[in-house]
Amino acid sequence: MRDKKDNATLDLPGFGHAEPMEPEAKRPPPPRARRAALKQVQMELLEPTDTTGLPLWVKDPGLDLTGLPVWAKD
């Protein structure tokens, strides 16, 4: 649409009012091909774990119960 205050706008051919469009008939999409699901395998971890999946606690003579190093007594 031409602005009345815009003197630089040109009336170009082919830019008139558009005719109303008729909706196209839509076909339902084709059914999707189902893929065979891959079987999932539980991978073994590097360290043995408990039932929660956390690593098992192993007593280390160089560490105390909190995991801090034990200093050698002189």
N, C-alpha and C. Protein backbone atom coordinates (compact mmCIF):
# COMPACT_ATOMS: atom_id res chain seq x y z
N MET A 1 0.85 -1.18 0.00
CA MET A 1 0.00 0.00 0.00
C MET A 1 0.89 1.24 0.00
N ARG A 2 0.48 2.21 -0.74
CA ARG A 2 1.29 3.42 -0.88
C ARG A 2 0.98 4.39 0.25
N ASP A 3 2.05 4.92 0.81
CA ASP A 3 1.92 5.92 1.85
C ASP A 3 1.68 7.26 1.19
N LYS A 4 0.69 8.01 1.66
CA LYS A 4 0.33 9.28 1.04
C LYS A 4 1.43 10.32 1.18
N LYS A 5 2.24 10.21 2.24
CA LYS A 5 3.28 11.20 2.46
C LYS A 5 4.59 10.83 1.78
N ASP A 6 4.68 9.62 1.25
CA ASP A 6 5.92 9.16 0.64
C ASP A 6 5.86 9.44 -0.86
N ASN A 7 6.54 10.47 -1.29
CA ASN A 7 6.52 10.84 -2.71
C ASN A 7 7.46 9.98 -3.54
N ALA A 8 8.39 9.27 -2.88
CA ALA A 8 9.36 8.47 -3.61
C ALA A 8 8.82 7.09 -3.96
N THR A 9 7.68 6.70 -3.37
CA THR A 9 7.12 5.38 -3.65
C THR A 9 6.51 5.37 -5.04
N LEU A 10 6.88 4.37 -5.83
CA LEU A 10 6.35 4.24 -7.18
C LEU A 10 5.25 3.19 -7.19
N ASP A 11 4.27 3.40 -8.02
CA ASP A 11 3.23 2.39 -8.21
C ASP A 11 3.71 1.44 -9.29
N LEU A 12 4.24 0.28 -8.87
CA LEU A 12 4.77 -0.69 -9.80
C LEU A 12 3.67 -1.63 -10.27
N PRO A 13 3.71 -2.06 -11.53
CA PRO A 13 2.70 -3.00 -12.00
C PRO A 13 2.88 -4.36 -11.32
N GLY A 14 1.77 -5.02 -11.06
CA GLY A 14 1.81 -6.33 -10.44
C GLY A 14 1.75 -6.30 -8.93
N PHE A 15 1.72 -5.12 -8.33
CA PHE A 15 1.67 -5.01 -6.88
C PHE A 15 0.31 -4.49 -6.41
N GLY A 16 -0.72 -4.88 -7.13
CA GLY A 16 -2.07 -4.48 -6.74
C GLY A 16 -2.60 -5.40 -5.65
N HIS A 17 -3.90 -5.33 -5.45
CA HIS A 17 -4.52 -6.18 -4.45
C HIS A 17 -4.45 -7.63 -4.89
N ALA A 18 -4.13 -8.51 -3.96
CA ALA A 18 -4.01 -9.93 -4.28
C ALA A 18 -5.38 -10.58 -4.27
N GLU A 19 -5.54 -11.58 -5.12
CA GLU A 19 -6.79 -12.33 -5.14
C GLU A 19 -6.78 -13.31 -3.98
N PRO A 20 -7.96 -13.61 -3.44
CA PRO A 20 -7.99 -14.56 -2.32
C PRO A 20 -7.51 -15.94 -2.78
N MET A 21 -6.73 -16.57 -1.91
CA MET A 21 -6.16 -17.88 -2.23
C MET A 21 -7.10 -18.99 -1.77
N GLU A 22 -7.13 -20.05 -2.55
CA GLU A 22 -7.94 -21.21 -2.17
C GLU A 22 -7.02 -22.20 -1.44
N PRO A 23 -7.48 -22.75 -0.32
CA PRO A 23 -6.63 -23.69 0.41
C PRO A 23 -6.39 -24.96 -0.41
N GLU A 24 -5.15 -25.46 -0.35
CA GLU A 24 -4.81 -26.67 -1.07
C GLU A 24 -5.27 -27.88 -0.28
N ALA A 25 -5.66 -28.92 -0.99
CA ALA A 25 -6.05 -30.15 -0.32
C ALA A 25 -4.80 -30.81 0.23
N LYS A 26 -4.82 -31.11 1.54
CA LYS A 26 -3.65 -31.70 2.18
C LYS A 26 -3.83 -33.21 2.28
N ARG A 27 -2.79 -33.92 1.88
CA ARG A 27 -2.78 -35.37 2.02
C ARG A 27 -2.13 -35.73 3.35
N PRO A 28 -2.60 -36.78 4.01
CA PRO A 28 -1.94 -37.17 5.25
C PRO A 28 -0.52 -37.67 4.96
N PRO A 29 0.40 -37.42 5.87
CA PRO A 29 1.78 -37.85 5.63
C PRO A 29 1.87 -39.37 5.60
N PRO A 30 2.82 -39.91 4.85
CA PRO A 30 2.97 -41.36 4.79
C PRO A 30 3.42 -41.90 6.15
N PRO A 31 3.07 -43.12 6.49
CA PRO A 31 3.49 -43.66 7.79
C PRO A 31 5.01 -43.83 7.83
N ARG A 32 5.57 -43.60 9.00
CA ARG A 32 7.01 -43.69 9.16
C ARG A 32 7.43 -45.15 9.31
N ALA A 33 8.56 -45.46 8.73
CA ALA A 33 9.11 -46.81 8.86
C ALA A 33 9.76 -46.92 10.23
N ARG A 34 9.44 -47.98 10.96
CA ARG A 34 10.00 -48.17 12.29
C ARG A 34 11.36 -48.83 12.18
N ARG A 35 12.28 -48.31 12.96
CA ARG A 35 13.63 -48.88 13.00
C ARG A 35 13.69 -49.88 14.14
N ALA A 36 14.45 -50.91 13.93
CA ALA A 36 14.64 -51.89 14.99
C ALA A 36 15.53 -51.27 16.07
N ALA A 37 15.08 -51.35 17.31
CA ALA A 37 15.83 -50.76 18.41
C ALA A 37 17.06 -51.60 18.70
N LEU A 38 18.20 -50.93 18.91
CA LEU A 38 19.42 -51.63 19.24
C LEU A 38 19.37 -52.08 20.69
N LYS A 39 19.84 -53.28 20.96
CA LYS A 39 19.85 -53.79 22.32
C LYS A 39 20.93 -53.07 23.11
N GLN A 40 20.57 -52.60 24.31
CA GLN A 40 21.53 -51.90 25.14
C GLN A 40 22.29 -52.90 25.99
N VAL A 41 23.57 -52.65 26.13
CA VAL A 41 24.44 -53.55 26.88
C VAL A 41 25.07 -52.77 28.02
N GLN A 42 25.08 -53.36 29.22
CA GLN A 42 25.73 -52.72 30.37
C GLN A 42 27.24 -52.88 30.23
N MET A 43 27.95 -51.76 30.22
CA MET A 43 29.40 -51.82 30.08
C MET A 43 30.03 -51.98 31.46
N GLU A 44 31.12 -52.72 31.49
CA GLU A 44 31.85 -52.90 32.74
C GLU A 44 32.69 -51.65 33.01
N LEU A 45 32.72 -51.23 34.28
CA LEU A 45 33.51 -50.07 34.65
C LEU A 45 34.93 -50.50 35.00
N LEU A 46 35.84 -49.54 35.08
CA LEU A 46 37.22 -49.85 35.38
C LEU A 46 37.41 -50.31 36.82
N GLU A 47 36.61 -49.78 37.73
CA GLU A 47 36.71 -50.15 39.14
C GLU A 47 35.45 -50.87 39.56
N PRO A 48 35.54 -51.80 40.50
CA PRO A 48 34.33 -52.46 40.99
C PRO A 48 33.44 -51.45 41.71
N THR A 49 32.12 -51.59 41.57
CA THR A 49 31.19 -50.65 42.17
C THR A 49 30.20 -51.38 43.06
N ASP A 50 29.52 -50.62 43.94
CA ASP A 50 28.46 -51.20 44.77
C ASP A 50 27.14 -51.10 44.03
N THR A 51 26.04 -51.36 44.72
CA THR A 51 24.72 -51.36 44.06
C THR A 51 24.30 -49.98 43.59
N THR A 52 24.87 -48.90 44.17
CA THR A 52 24.50 -47.55 43.75
C THR A 52 25.32 -47.08 42.56
N GLY A 53 26.36 -47.82 42.18
CA GLY A 53 27.19 -47.40 41.06
C GLY A 53 28.42 -46.64 41.49
N LEU A 54 28.57 -46.41 42.80
CA LEU A 54 29.76 -45.72 43.30
C LEU A 54 30.90 -46.71 43.45
N PRO A 55 32.16 -46.26 43.33
CA PRO A 55 33.28 -47.18 43.50
C PRO A 55 33.31 -47.75 44.92
N LEU A 56 33.74 -49.00 45.04
CA LEU A 56 33.86 -49.61 46.36
C LEU A 56 34.98 -48.96 47.14
N TRP A 57 34.76 -48.83 48.46
CA TRP A 57 35.78 -48.24 49.31
C TRP A 57 36.81 -49.30 49.60
N VAL A 58 38.08 -48.95 49.38
CA VAL A 58 39.19 -49.87 49.61
C VAL A 58 40.12 -49.24 50.63
N LYS A 59 40.48 -50.00 51.66
CA LYS A 59 41.40 -49.49 52.69
C LYS A 59 42.79 -49.33 52.11
N ASP A 60 43.32 -48.12 52.21
CA ASP A 60 44.66 -47.83 51.71
C ASP A 60 45.51 -47.45 52.92
N PRO A 61 46.65 -48.11 53.15
CA PRO A 61 47.47 -47.78 54.33
C PRO A 61 48.07 -46.37 54.26
N GLY A 62 48.15 -45.78 53.10
CA GLY A 62 48.72 -44.44 52.98
C GLY A 62 47.69 -43.33 53.20
N LEU A 63 46.40 -43.69 53.39
CA LEU A 63 45.33 -42.70 53.57
C LEU A 63 44.55 -42.99 54.85
N ASP A 64 44.04 -41.92 55.50
CA ASP A 64 43.18 -42.14 56.66
C ASP A 64 41.74 -42.34 56.19
N LEU A 65 40.79 -42.39 57.11
CA LEU A 65 39.39 -42.67 56.76
C LEU A 65 38.76 -41.57 55.92
N THR A 66 39.29 -40.35 55.98
CA THR A 66 38.73 -39.25 55.19
C THR A 66 39.36 -39.14 53.81
N GLY A 67 40.40 -39.94 53.54
CA GLY A 67 41.06 -39.89 52.24
C GLY A 67 42.28 -39.00 52.21
N LEU A 68 42.64 -38.42 53.38
CA LEU A 68 43.82 -37.57 53.46
C LEU A 68 45.04 -38.43 53.67
N PRO A 69 46.20 -38.00 53.19
CA PRO A 69 47.41 -38.82 53.36
C PRO A 69 47.84 -38.88 54.82
N VAL A 70 48.37 -40.04 55.20
CA VAL A 70 48.90 -40.24 56.55
C VAL A 70 50.37 -39.88 56.51
N TRP A 71 50.77 -38.94 57.41
CA TRP A 71 52.15 -38.49 57.44
C TRP A 71 52.98 -39.50 58.20
N ALA A 72 54.12 -39.80 57.67
CA ALA A 72 55.02 -40.75 58.34
C ALA A 72 55.57 -40.13 59.61
N LYS A 73 55.58 -40.93 60.71
CA LYS A 73 56.11 -40.44 61.96
C LYS A 73 57.62 -40.60 61.95
N ASP A 74 58.31 -39.57 62.43
CA ASP A 74 59.78 -39.61 62.43
C ASP A 74 60.27 -40.36 63.64
